[in-house]
Amino acid sequence: MGSGRWHSGNIGPGNPFEKVPELSRRARGVPVWAALRSLGRDGTIALVDGLAANARALADGLRSMPRVEVFNEVVFTQVCVSFGSDARTRRVT
């Protein structure tokens, strides 16, 4: 126990695939690359523009409801909203 060695009897640097979590993960970029590749430039732009338009429409709809406040100017896909009290906001969301 007191040797300070982190491996048990192995000589050499060991297999890094067994030692660090980063190497145990799958290639997460591949599905993203494939989606972007299949959509192409125009398809990617249309996807992002559509998501932003949906967020703006959601914010506009929420603003028309009583006791609902949208706190931010929606410029991308995030809408910061309150439904009055903290308790009501938690129940609604």
PDB file of N, CA and C in Angstrom:
ATOM      1  N   MET A   1       0.808  -1.193   0.000  1.00  0.00           N
ATOM      2  CA  MET A   1       0.000   0.000   0.000  1.00  0.00           C
ATOM      3  C   MET A   1       0.848   1.252   0.000  1.00  0.00           C
ATOM      4  N   GLY A   2       1.940   1.259   0.687  1.00  0.00           N
ATOM      5  CA  GLY A   2       2.721   2.469   0.845  1.00  0.00           C
ATOM      6  C   GLY A   2       3.650   2.778  -0.306  1.00  0.00           C
ATOM      7  N   SER A   3       3.603   2.036  -1.387  1.00  0.00           N
ATOM      8  CA  SER A   3       4.547   2.245  -2.481  1.00  0.00           C
ATOM      9  C   SER A   3       4.243   3.499  -3.283  1.00  0.00           C
ATOM     10  N   GLY A   4       3.029   4.024  -3.208  1.00  0.00           N
ATOM     11  CA  GLY A   4       2.663   5.197  -3.977  1.00  0.00           C
ATOM     12  C   GLY A   4       2.355   4.882  -5.424  1.00  0.00           C
ATOM     13  N   ARG A   5       2.405   3.626  -5.795  1.00  0.00           N
ATOM     14  CA  ARG A   5       2.107   3.251  -7.177  1.00  0.00           C
ATOM     15  C   ARG A   5       0.606   3.080  -7.332  1.00  0.00           C
ATOM     16  N   TRP A   6       0.060   3.605  -8.434  1.00  0.00           N
ATOM     17  CA  TRP A   6      -1.381   3.535  -8.655  1.00  0.00           C
ATOM     18  C   TRP A   6      -1.782   2.295  -9.418  1.00  0.00           C
ATOM     19  N   HIS A   7      -0.846   1.519  -9.854  1.00  0.00           N
ATOM     20  CA  HIS A   7      -1.174   0.295 -10.555  1.00  0.00           C
ATOM     21  C   HIS A   7      -0.651  -0.887  -9.752  1.00  0.00           C
ATOM     22  N   SER A   8      -1.223  -2.038  -9.960  1.00  0.00           N
ATOM     23  CA  SER A   8      -0.856  -3.203  -9.154  1.00  0.00           C
ATOM     24  C   SER A   8       0.027  -4.150  -9.946  1.00  0.00           C
ATOM     25  N   GLY A   9       1.327  -3.964  -9.853  1.00  0.00           N
ATOM     26  CA  GLY A   9       2.256  -4.889 -10.461  1.00  0.00           C
ATOM     27  C   GLY A   9       2.507  -4.687 -11.944  1.00  0.00           C
ATOM     28  N   ASN A  10       1.830  -3.770 -12.592  1.00  0.00           N
ATOM     29  CA  ASN A  10       2.063  -3.531 -14.017  1.00  0.00           C
ATOM     30  C   ASN A  10       3.326  -2.705 -14.207  1.00  0.00           C
ATOM     31  N   ILE A  11       4.091  -3.068 -15.196  1.00  0.00           N
ATOM     32  CA  ILE A  11       5.293  -2.323 -15.522  1.00  0.00           C
ATOM     33  C   ILE A  11       5.005  -1.515 -16.788  1.00  0.00           C
ATOM     34  N   GLY A  12       5.447  -0.293 -16.806  1.00  0.00           N
ATOM     35  CA  GLY A  12       5.235   0.540 -17.980  1.00  0.00           C
ATOM     36  C   GLY A  12       4.089   1.516 -17.769  1.00  0.00           C
ATOM     37  N   PRO A  13       3.811   2.301 -18.790  1.00  0.00           N
ATOM     38  CA  PRO A  13       2.828   3.371 -18.632  1.00  0.00           C
ATOM     39  C   PRO A  13       1.385   2.888 -18.536  1.00  0.00           C
ATOM     40  N   GLY A  14       1.088   1.687 -18.938  1.00  0.00           N
ATOM     41  CA  GLY A  14      -0.283   1.203 -18.890  1.00  0.00           C
ATOM     42  C   GLY A  14      -1.068   1.630 -20.120  1.00  0.00           C
ATOM     43  N   ASN A  15      -2.279   1.191 -20.165  1.00  0.00           N
ATOM     44  CA  ASN A  15      -3.149   1.490 -21.287  1.00  0.00           C
ATOM     45  C   ASN A  15      -3.990   2.713 -20.944  1.00  0.00           C
ATOM     46  N   PRO A  16      -3.803   3.856 -21.631  1.00  0.00           N
ATOM     47  CA  PRO A  16      -4.557   5.056 -21.276  1.00  0.00           C
ATOM     48  C   PRO A  16      -6.069   4.897 -21.458  1.00  0.00           C
ATOM     49  N   PHE A  17      -6.508   3.971 -22.289  1.00  0.00           N
ATOM     50  CA  PHE A  17      -7.939   3.747 -22.470  1.00  0.00           C
ATOM     51  C   PHE A  17      -8.597   3.226 -21.199  1.00  0.00           C
ATOM     52  N   GLU A  18      -7.814   2.680 -20.278  1.00  0.00           N
ATOM     53  CA  GLU A  18      -8.343   2.156 -19.023  1.00  0.00           C
ATOM     54  C   GLU A  18      -8.177   3.130 -17.868  1.00  0.00           C
ATOM     55  N   LYS A  19      -7.539   4.262 -18.089  1.00  0.00           N
ATOM     56  CA  LYS A  19      -7.158   5.142 -16.986  1.00  0.00           C
ATOM     57  C   LYS A  19      -7.916   6.460 -16.928  1.00  0.00           C
ATOM     58  N   VAL A  20      -8.360   7.009 -18.037  1.00  0.00           N
ATOM     59  CA  VAL A  20      -8.971   8.337 -18.019  1.00  0.00           C
ATOM     60  C   VAL A  20     -10.372   8.291 -18.623  1.00  0.00           C
ATOM     61  N   PRO A  21     -11.298   9.047 -18.051  1.00  0.00           N
ATOM     62  CA  PRO A  21     -12.676   8.996 -18.554  1.00  0.00           C
ATOM     63  C   PRO A  21     -12.836   9.556 -19.967  1.00  0.00           C
ATOM     64  N   GLU A  22     -12.006  10.509 -20.361  1.00  0.00           N
ATOM     65  CA  GLU A  22     -12.145  11.101 -21.685  1.00  0.00           C
ATOM     66  C   GLU A  22     -11.992  10.061 -22.794  1.00  0.00           C
ATOM     67  N   LEU A  23     -11.149   9.089 -22.586  1.00  0.00           N
ATOM     68  CA  LEU A  23     -10.922   8.081 -23.606  1.00  0.00           C
ATOM     69  C   LEU A  23     -11.967   6.972 -23.555  1.00  0.00           C
ATOM     70  N   SER A  24     -12.809   6.982 -22.512  1.00  0.00           N
ATOM     71  CA  SER A  24     -13.846   5.958 -22.428  1.00  0.00           C
ATOM     72  C   SER A  24     -15.139   6.416 -23.100  1.00  0.00           C
ATOM     73  N   ARG A  25     -15.203   7.672 -23.467  1.00  0.00           N
ATOM     74  CA  ARG A  25     -16.417   8.208 -24.093  1.00  0.00           C
ATOM     75  C   ARG A  25     -16.416   7.908 -25.579  1.00  0.00           C
ATOM     76  N   ARG A  26     -17.624   7.795 -26.135  1.00  0.00           N
ATOM     77  CA  ARG A  26     -17.714   7.574 -27.569  1.00  0.00           C
ATOM     78  C   ARG A  26     -17.421   8.884 -28.302  1.00  0.00           C
ATOM     79  N   ALA A  27     -17.266   8.818 -29.571  1.00  0.00           N
ATOM     80  CA  ALA A  27     -16.964  10.000 -30.377  1.00  0.00           C
ATOM     81  C   ALA A  27     -18.228  10.842 -30.520  1.00  0.00           C
ATOM     82  N   ARG A  28     -18.451  11.736 -29.582  1.00  0.00           N
ATOM     83  CA  ARG A  28     -19.693  12.507 -29.543  1.00  0.00           C
ATOM     84  C   ARG A  28     -19.803  13.501 -30.682  1.00  0.00           C
ATOM     85  N   GLY A  29     -18.720  13.887 -31.266  1.00  0.00           N
ATOM     86  CA  GLY A  29     -18.776  14.842 -32.361  1.00  0.00           C
ATOM     87  C   GLY A  29     -19.266  14.247 -33.664  1.00  0.00           C
ATOM     88  N   VAL A  30     -19.201  12.939 -33.797  1.00  0.00           N
ATOM     89  CA  VAL A  30     -19.573  12.306 -35.060  1.00  0.00           C
ATOM     90  C   VAL A  30     -21.056  12.513 -35.389  1.00  0.00           C
ATOM     91  N   PRO A  31     -22.003  12.295 -34.456  1.00  0.00           N
ATOM     92  CA  PRO A  31     -23.401  12.545 -34.802  1.00  0.00           C
ATOM     93  C   PRO A  31     -23.669  14.013 -35.155  1.00  0.00           C
ATOM     94  N   VAL A  32     -23.008  14.931 -34.461  1.00  0.00           N
ATOM     95  CA  VAL A  32     -23.178  16.356 -34.771  1.00  0.00           C
ATOM     96  C   VAL A  32     -22.641  16.647 -36.164  1.00  0.00           C
ATOM     97  N   TRP A  33     -21.459  16.148 -36.452  1.00  0.00           N
ATOM     98  CA  TRP A  33     -20.877  16.339 -37.785  1.00  0.00           C
ATOM     99  C   TRP A  33     -21.804  15.767 -38.857  1.00  0.00           C
ATOM    100  N   ALA A  34     -22.340  14.586 -38.624  1.00  0.00           N
ATOM    101  CA  ALA A  34     -23.215  13.947 -39.607  1.00  0.00           C
ATOM    102  C   ALA A  34     -24.483  14.768 -39.828  1.00  0.00           C
ATOM    103  N   ALA A  35     -25.063  15.294 -38.751  1.00  0.00           N
ATOM    104  CA  ALA A  35     -26.270  16.111 -38.892  1.00  0.00           C
ATOM    105  C   ALA A  35     -25.974  17.385 -39.666  1.00  0.00           C
ATOM    106  N   LEU A  36     -24.892  18.054 -39.324  1.00  0.00           N
ATOM    107  CA  LEU A  36     -24.530  19.284 -40.034  1.00  0.00           C
ATOM    108  C   LEU A  36     -24.206  19.001 -41.491  1.00  0.00           C
ATOM    109  N   ARG A  37     -23.538  17.899 -41.725  1.00  0.00           N
ATOM    110  CA  ARG A  37     -23.189  17.515 -43.096  1.00  0.00           C
ATOM    111  C   ARG A  37     -24.453  17.238 -43.919  1.00  0.00           C
ATOM    112  N   SER A  38     -25.426  16.546 -43.317  1.00  0.00           N
ATOM    113  CA  SER A  38     -26.633  16.211 -44.067  1.00  0.00           C
ATOM    114  C   SER A  38     -27.515  17.437 -44.295  1.00  0.00           C
ATOM    115  N   LEU A  39     -27.531  18.373 -43.334  1.00  0.00           N
ATOM    116  CA  LEU A  39     -28.328  19.582 -43.494  1.00  0.00           C
ATOM    117  C   LEU A  39     -27.701  20.562 -44.478  1.00  0.00           C
ATOM    118  N   GLY A  40     -26.386  20.590 -44.495  1.00  0.00           N
ATOM    119  CA  GLY A  40     -25.699  21.573 -45.325  1.00  0.00           C
ATOM    120  C   GLY A  40     -25.803  22.962 -44.718  1.00  0.00           C
ATOM    121  N   ARG A  41     -25.168  23.915 -45.350  1.00  0.00           N
ATOM    122  CA  ARG A  41     -25.139  25.286 -44.833  1.00  0.00           C
ATOM    123  C   ARG A  41     -26.549  25.878 -44.768  1.00  0.00           C
ATOM    124  N   ASP A  42     -27.290  25.779 -45.858  1.00  0.00           N
ATOM    125  CA  ASP A  42     -28.627  26.369 -45.898  1.00  0.00           C
ATOM    126  C   ASP A  42     -29.572  25.689 -44.917  1.00  0.00           C
ATOM    127  N   GLY A  43     -29.480  24.375 -44.809  1.00  0.00           N
ATOM    128  CA  GLY A  43     -30.336  23.650 -43.877  1.00  0.00           C
ATOM    129  C   GLY A  43     -30.028  23.988 -42.427  1.00  0.00           C
ATOM    130  N   THR A  44     -28.751  24.158 -42.112  1.00  0.00           N
ATOM    131  CA  THR A  44     -28.357  24.525 -40.750  1.00  0.00           C
ATOM    132  C   THR A  44     -28.860  25.918 -40.410  1.00  0.00           C
ATOM    133  N   ILE A  45     -28.716  26.845 -41.357  1.00  0.00           N
ATOM    134  CA  ILE A  45     -29.215  28.206 -41.136  1.00  0.00           C
ATOM    135  C   ILE A  45     -30.726  28.184 -40.938  1.00  0.00           C
ATOM    136  N   ALA A  46     -31.433  27.430 -41.754  1.00  0.00           N
ATOM    137  CA  ALA A  46     -32.897  27.339 -41.632  1.00  0.00           C
ATOM    138  C   ALA A  46     -33.292  26.732 -40.288  1.00  0.00           C
ATOM    139  N   LEU A  47     -32.553  25.715 -39.831  1.00  0.00           N
ATOM    140  CA  LEU A  47     -32.845  25.094 -38.540  1.00  0.00           C
ATOM    141  C   LEU A  47     -32.698  26.104 -37.410  1.00  0.00           C
ATOM    142  N   VAL A  48     -31.580  26.820 -37.380  1.00  0.00           N
ATOM    143  CA  VAL A  48     -31.324  27.796 -36.315  1.00  0.00           C
ATOM    144  C   VAL A  48     -32.333  28.934 -36.386  1.00  0.00           C
ATOM    145  N   ASP A  49     -32.596  29.439 -37.584  1.00  0.00           N
ATOM    146  CA  ASP A  49     -33.582  30.515 -37.731  1.00  0.00           C
ATOM    147  C   ASP A  49     -34.963  30.062 -37.260  1.00  0.00           C
ATOM    148  N   GLY A  50     -35.337  28.832 -37.568  1.00  0.00           N
ATOM    149  CA  GLY A  50     -36.627  28.310 -37.138  1.00  0.00           C
ATOM    150  C   GLY A  50     -36.725  28.186 -35.630  1.00  0.00           C
ATOM    151  N   LEU A  51     -35.658  27.719 -34.995  1.00  0.00           N
ATOM    152  CA  LEU A  51     -35.648  27.606 -33.532  1.00  0.00           C
ATOM    153  C   LEU A  51     -35.769  28.974 -32.883  1.00  0.00           C
ATOM    154  N   ALA A  52     -35.055  29.978 -33.425  1.00  0.00           N
ATOM    155  CA  ALA A  52     -35.139  31.333 -32.886  1.00  0.00           C
ATOM    156  C   ALA A  52     -36.537  31.916 -33.089  1.00  0.00           C
ATOM    157  N   ALA A  53     -37.144  31.675 -34.242  1.00  0.00           N
ATOM    158  CA  ALA A  53     -38.502  32.165 -34.503  1.00  0.00           C
ATOM    159  C   ALA A  53     -39.501  31.515 -33.549  1.00  0.00           C
ATOM    160  N   ASN A  54     -39.336  30.245 -33.269  1.00  0.00           N
ATOM    161  CA  ASN A  54     -40.211  29.559 -32.324  1.00  0.00           C
ATOM    162  C   ASN A  54     -40.085  30.149 -30.922  1.00  0.00           C
ATOM    163  N   ALA A  55     -38.872  30.486 -30.511  1.00  0.00           N
ATOM    164  CA  ALA A  55     -38.666  31.088 -29.192  1.00  0.00           C
ATOM    165  C   ALA A  55     -39.332  32.457 -29.122  1.00  0.00           C
ATOM    166  N   ARG A  56     -39.210  33.252 -30.187  1.00  0.00           N
ATOM    167  CA  ARG A  56     -39.868  34.561 -30.207  1.00  0.00           C
ATOM    168  C   ARG A  56     -41.393  34.409 -30.160  1.00  0.00           C
ATOM    169  N   ALA A  57     -41.931  33.446 -30.891  1.00  0.00           N
ATOM    170  CA  ALA A  57     -43.379  33.207 -30.878  1.00  0.00           C
ATOM    171  C   ALA A  57     -43.836  32.758 -29.498  1.00  0.00           C
ATOM    172  N   LEU A  58     -43.056  31.910 -28.851  1.00  0.00           N
ATOM    173  CA  LEU A  58     -43.382  31.474 -27.497  1.00  0.00           C
ATOM    174  C   LEU A  58     -43.414  32.674 -26.560  1.00  0.00           C
ATOM    175  N   ALA A  59     -42.396  33.525 -26.637  1.00  0.00           N
ATOM    176  CA  ALA A  59     -42.343  34.717 -25.779  1.00  0.00           C
ATOM    177  C   ALA A  59     -43.530  35.633 -26.044  1.00  0.00           C
ATOM    178  N   ASP A  60     -43.881  35.839 -27.310  1.00  0.00           N
ATOM    179  CA  ASP A  60     -45.031  36.686 -27.645  1.00  0.00           C
ATOM    180  C   ASP A  60     -46.317  36.106 -27.075  1.00  0.00           C
ATOM    181  N   GLY A  61     -46.490  34.806 -27.191  1.00  0.00           N
ATOM    182  CA  GLY A  61     -47.672  34.163 -26.629  1.00  0.00           C
ATOM    183  C   GLY A  61     -47.727  34.272 -25.120  1.00  0.00           C
ATOM    184  N   LEU A  62     -46.594  34.083 -24.472  1.00  0.00           N
ATOM    185  CA  LEU A  62     -46.548  34.186 -23.013  1.00  0.00           C
ATOM    186  C   LEU A  62     -46.831  35.610 -22.550  1.00  0.00           C
ATOM    187  N   ARG A  63     -46.315  36.600 -23.285  1.00  0.00           N
ATOM    188  CA  ARG A  63     -46.551  38.004 -22.913  1.00  0.00           C
ATOM    189  C   ARG A  63     -48.041  38.355 -22.930  1.00  0.00           C
ATOM    190  N   SER A  64     -48.814  37.670 -23.747  1.00  0.00           N
ATOM    191  CA  SER A  64     -50.245  37.978 -23.852  1.00  0.00           C
ATOM    192  C   SER A  64     -51.064  37.361 -22.715  1.00  0.00           C
ATOM    193  N   MET A  65     -50.446  36.554 -21.887  1.00  0.00           N
ATOM    194  CA  MET A  65     -51.156  35.883 -20.795  1.00  0.00           C
ATOM    195  C   MET A  65     -51.101  36.744 -19.528  1.00  0.00           C
ATOM    196  N   PRO A  66     -52.173  36.712 -18.721  1.00  0.00           N
ATOM    197  CA  PRO A  66     -52.155  37.483 -17.474  1.00  0.00           C
ATOM    198  C   PRO A  66     -51.151  36.910 -16.476  1.00  0.00           C
ATOM    199  N   ARG A  67     -50.543  37.795 -15.702  1.00  0.00           N
ATOM    200  CA  ARG A  67     -49.577  37.448 -14.639  1.00  0.00           C
ATOM    201  C   ARG A  67     -48.366  36.687 -15.175  1.00  0.00           C
ATOM    202  N   VAL A  68     -48.008  36.955 -16.422  1.00  0.00           N
ATOM    203  CA  VAL A  68     -46.811  36.344 -16.998  1.00  0.00           C
ATOM    204  C   VAL A  68     -45.895  37.469 -17.459  1.00  0.00           C
ATOM    205  N   GLU A  69     -44.629  37.353 -17.110  1.00  0.00           N
ATOM    206  CA  GLU A  69     -43.650  38.371 -17.496  1.00  0.00           C
ATOM    207  C   GLU A  69     -42.459  37.702 -18.179  1.00  0.00           C
ATOM    208  N   VAL A  70     -42.115  38.183 -19.363  1.00  0.00           N
ATOM    209  CA  VAL A  70     -40.913  37.741 -20.071  1.00  0.00           C
ATOM    210  C   VAL A  70     -39.843  38.778 -19.766  1.00  0.00           C
ATOM    211  N   PHE A  71     -38.727  38.332 -19.218  1.00  0.00           N
ATOM    212  CA  PHE A  71     -37.690  39.244 -18.740  1.00  0.00           C
ATOM    213  C   PHE A  71     -36.658  39.632 -19.790  1.00  0.00           C
ATOM    214  N   ASN A  72     -36.530  38.865 -20.831  1.00  0.00           N
ATOM    215  CA  ASN A  72     -35.437  39.129 -21.763  1.00  0.00           C
ATOM    216  C   ASN A  72     -35.947  39.462 -23.156  1.00  0.00           C
ATOM    217  N   GLU A  73     -35.088  40.126 -23.906  1.00  0.00           N
ATOM    218  CA  GLU A  73     -35.323  40.301 -25.334  1.00  0.00           C
ATOM    219  C   GLU A  73     -34.869  39.000 -25.983  1.00  0.00           C
ATOM    220  N   VAL A  74     -35.752  38.332 -26.658  1.00  0.00           N
ATOM    221  CA  VAL A  74     -35.436  37.021 -27.216  1.00  0.00           C
ATOM    222  C   VAL A  74     -34.679  37.219 -28.520  1.00  0.00           C
ATOM    223  N   VAL A  75     -33.385  36.913 -28.475  1.00  0.00           N
ATOM    224  CA  VAL A  75     -32.546  37.084 -29.665  1.00  0.00           C
ATOM    225  C   VAL A  75     -32.067  35.750 -30.224  1.00  0.00           C
ATOM    226  N   PHE A  76     -32.231  34.692 -29.465  1.00  0.00           N
ATOM    227  CA  PHE A  76     -31.846  33.382 -29.969  1.00  0.00           C
ATOM    228  C   PHE A  76     -32.908  32.382 -29.568  1.00  0.00           C
ATOM    229  N   THR A  77     -32.638  31.463 -28.671  1.00  0.00           N
ATOM    230  CA  THR A  77     -33.617  30.421 -28.345  1.00  0.00           C
ATOM    231  C   THR A  77     -33.978  30.374 -26.869  1.00  0.00           C
ATOM    232  N   GLN A  78     -33.611  31.389 -26.109  1.00  0.00           N
ATOM    233  CA  GLN A  78     -33.883  31.339 -24.670  1.00  0.00           C
ATOM    234  C   GLN A  78     -34.941  32.368 -24.294  1.00  0.00           C
ATOM    235  N   VAL A  79     -35.904  31.922 -23.482  1.00  0.00           N
ATOM    236  CA  VAL A  79     -36.958  32.787 -22.978  1.00  0.00           C
ATOM    237  C   VAL A  79     -36.920  32.703 -21.457  1.00  0.00           C
ATOM    238  N   CYS A  80     -36.687  33.844 -20.815  1.00  0.00           N
ATOM    239  CA  CYS A  80     -36.654  33.912 -19.353  1.00  0.00           C
ATOM    240  C   CYS A  80     -38.007  34.454 -18.899  1.00  0.00           C
ATOM    241  N   VAL A  81     -38.760  33.650 -18.160  1.00  0.00           N
ATOM    242  CA  VAL A  81     -40.156  33.977 -17.875  1.00  0.00           C
ATOM    243  C   VAL A  81     -40.489  33.746 -16.407  1.00  0.00           C
ATOM    244  N   SER A  82     -41.440  34.548 -15.919  1.00  0.00           N
ATOM    245  CA  SER A  82     -41.980  34.355 -14.581  1.00  0.00           C
ATOM    246  C   SER A  82     -43.503  34.295 -14.699  1.00  0.00           C
ATOM    247  N   PHE A  83     -44.102  33.431 -13.919  1.00  0.00           N
ATOM    248  CA  PHE A  83     -45.555  33.302 -13.890  1.00  0.00           C
ATOM    249  C   PHE A  83     -46.115  33.906 -12.610  1.00  0.00           C
ATOM    250  N   GLY A  84     -45.507  34.989 -12.154  1.00  0.00           N
ATOM    251  CA  GLY A  84     -45.945  35.667 -10.933  1.00  0.00           C
ATOM    252  C   GLY A  84     -45.064  35.280  -9.777  1.00  0.00           C
ATOM    253  N   SER A  85     -45.577  34.484  -8.881  1.00  0.00           N
ATOM    254  CA  SER A  85     -44.815  34.066  -7.702  1.00  0.00           C
ATOM    255  C   SER A  85     -43.868  32.912  -8.054  1.00  0.00           C
ATOM    256  N   ASP A  86     -42.900  32.719  -7.183  1.00  0.00           N
ATOM    257  CA  ASP A  86     -41.971  31.594  -7.368  1.00  0.00           C
ATOM    258  C   ASP A  86     -42.714  30.260  -7.337  1.00  0.00           C
ATOM    259  N   ALA A  87     -43.681  30.149  -6.443  1.00  0.00           N
ATOM    260  CA  ALA A  87     -44.430  28.890  -6.322  1.00  0.00           C
ATOM    261  C   ALA A  87     -45.224  28.608  -7.607  1.00  0.00           C
ATOM    262  N   ARG A  88     -45.872  29.627  -8.149  1.00  0.00           N
ATOM    263  CA  ARG A  88     -46.645  29.427  -9.390  1.00  0.00           C
ATOM    264  C   ARG A  88     -45.716  29.112 -10.564  1.00  0.00           C
ATOM    265  N   THR A  89     -44.590  29.798 -10.630  1.00  0.00           N
ATOM    266  CA  THR A  89     -43.632  29.526 -11.700  1.00  0.00           C
ATOM    267  C   THR A  89     -43.157  28.083 -11.647  1.00  0.00           C
ATOM    268  N   ARG A  90     -42.864  27.584 -10.442  1.00  0.00           N
ATOM    269  CA  ARG A  90     -42.441  26.181 -10.291  1.00  0.00           C
ATOM    270  C   ARG A  90     -43.547  25.224 -10.737  1.00  0.00           C
ATOM    271  N   ARG A  91     -44.804  25.539 -10.359  1.00  0.00           N
ATOM    272  CA  ARG A  91     -45.907  24.653 -10.752  1.00  0.00           C
ATOM    273  C   ARG A  91     -46.093  24.635 -12.268  1.00  0.00           C
ATOM    274  N   VAL A  92     -46.028  25.791 -12.894  1.00  0.00           N
ATOM    275  CA  VAL A  92     -46.239  25.870 -14.346  1.00  0.00           C
ATOM    276  C   VAL A  92     -45.113  25.191 -15.108  1.00  0.00           C
ATOM    277  N   THR A  93     -43.897  25.431 -14.678  1.00  0.00           N
ATOM    278  CA  THR A  93     -42.763  24.868 -15.408  1.00  0.00           C
ATOM    279  C   THR A  93     -42.519  23.442 -15.015  1.00  0.00           C
TER     280      THR A  93
END
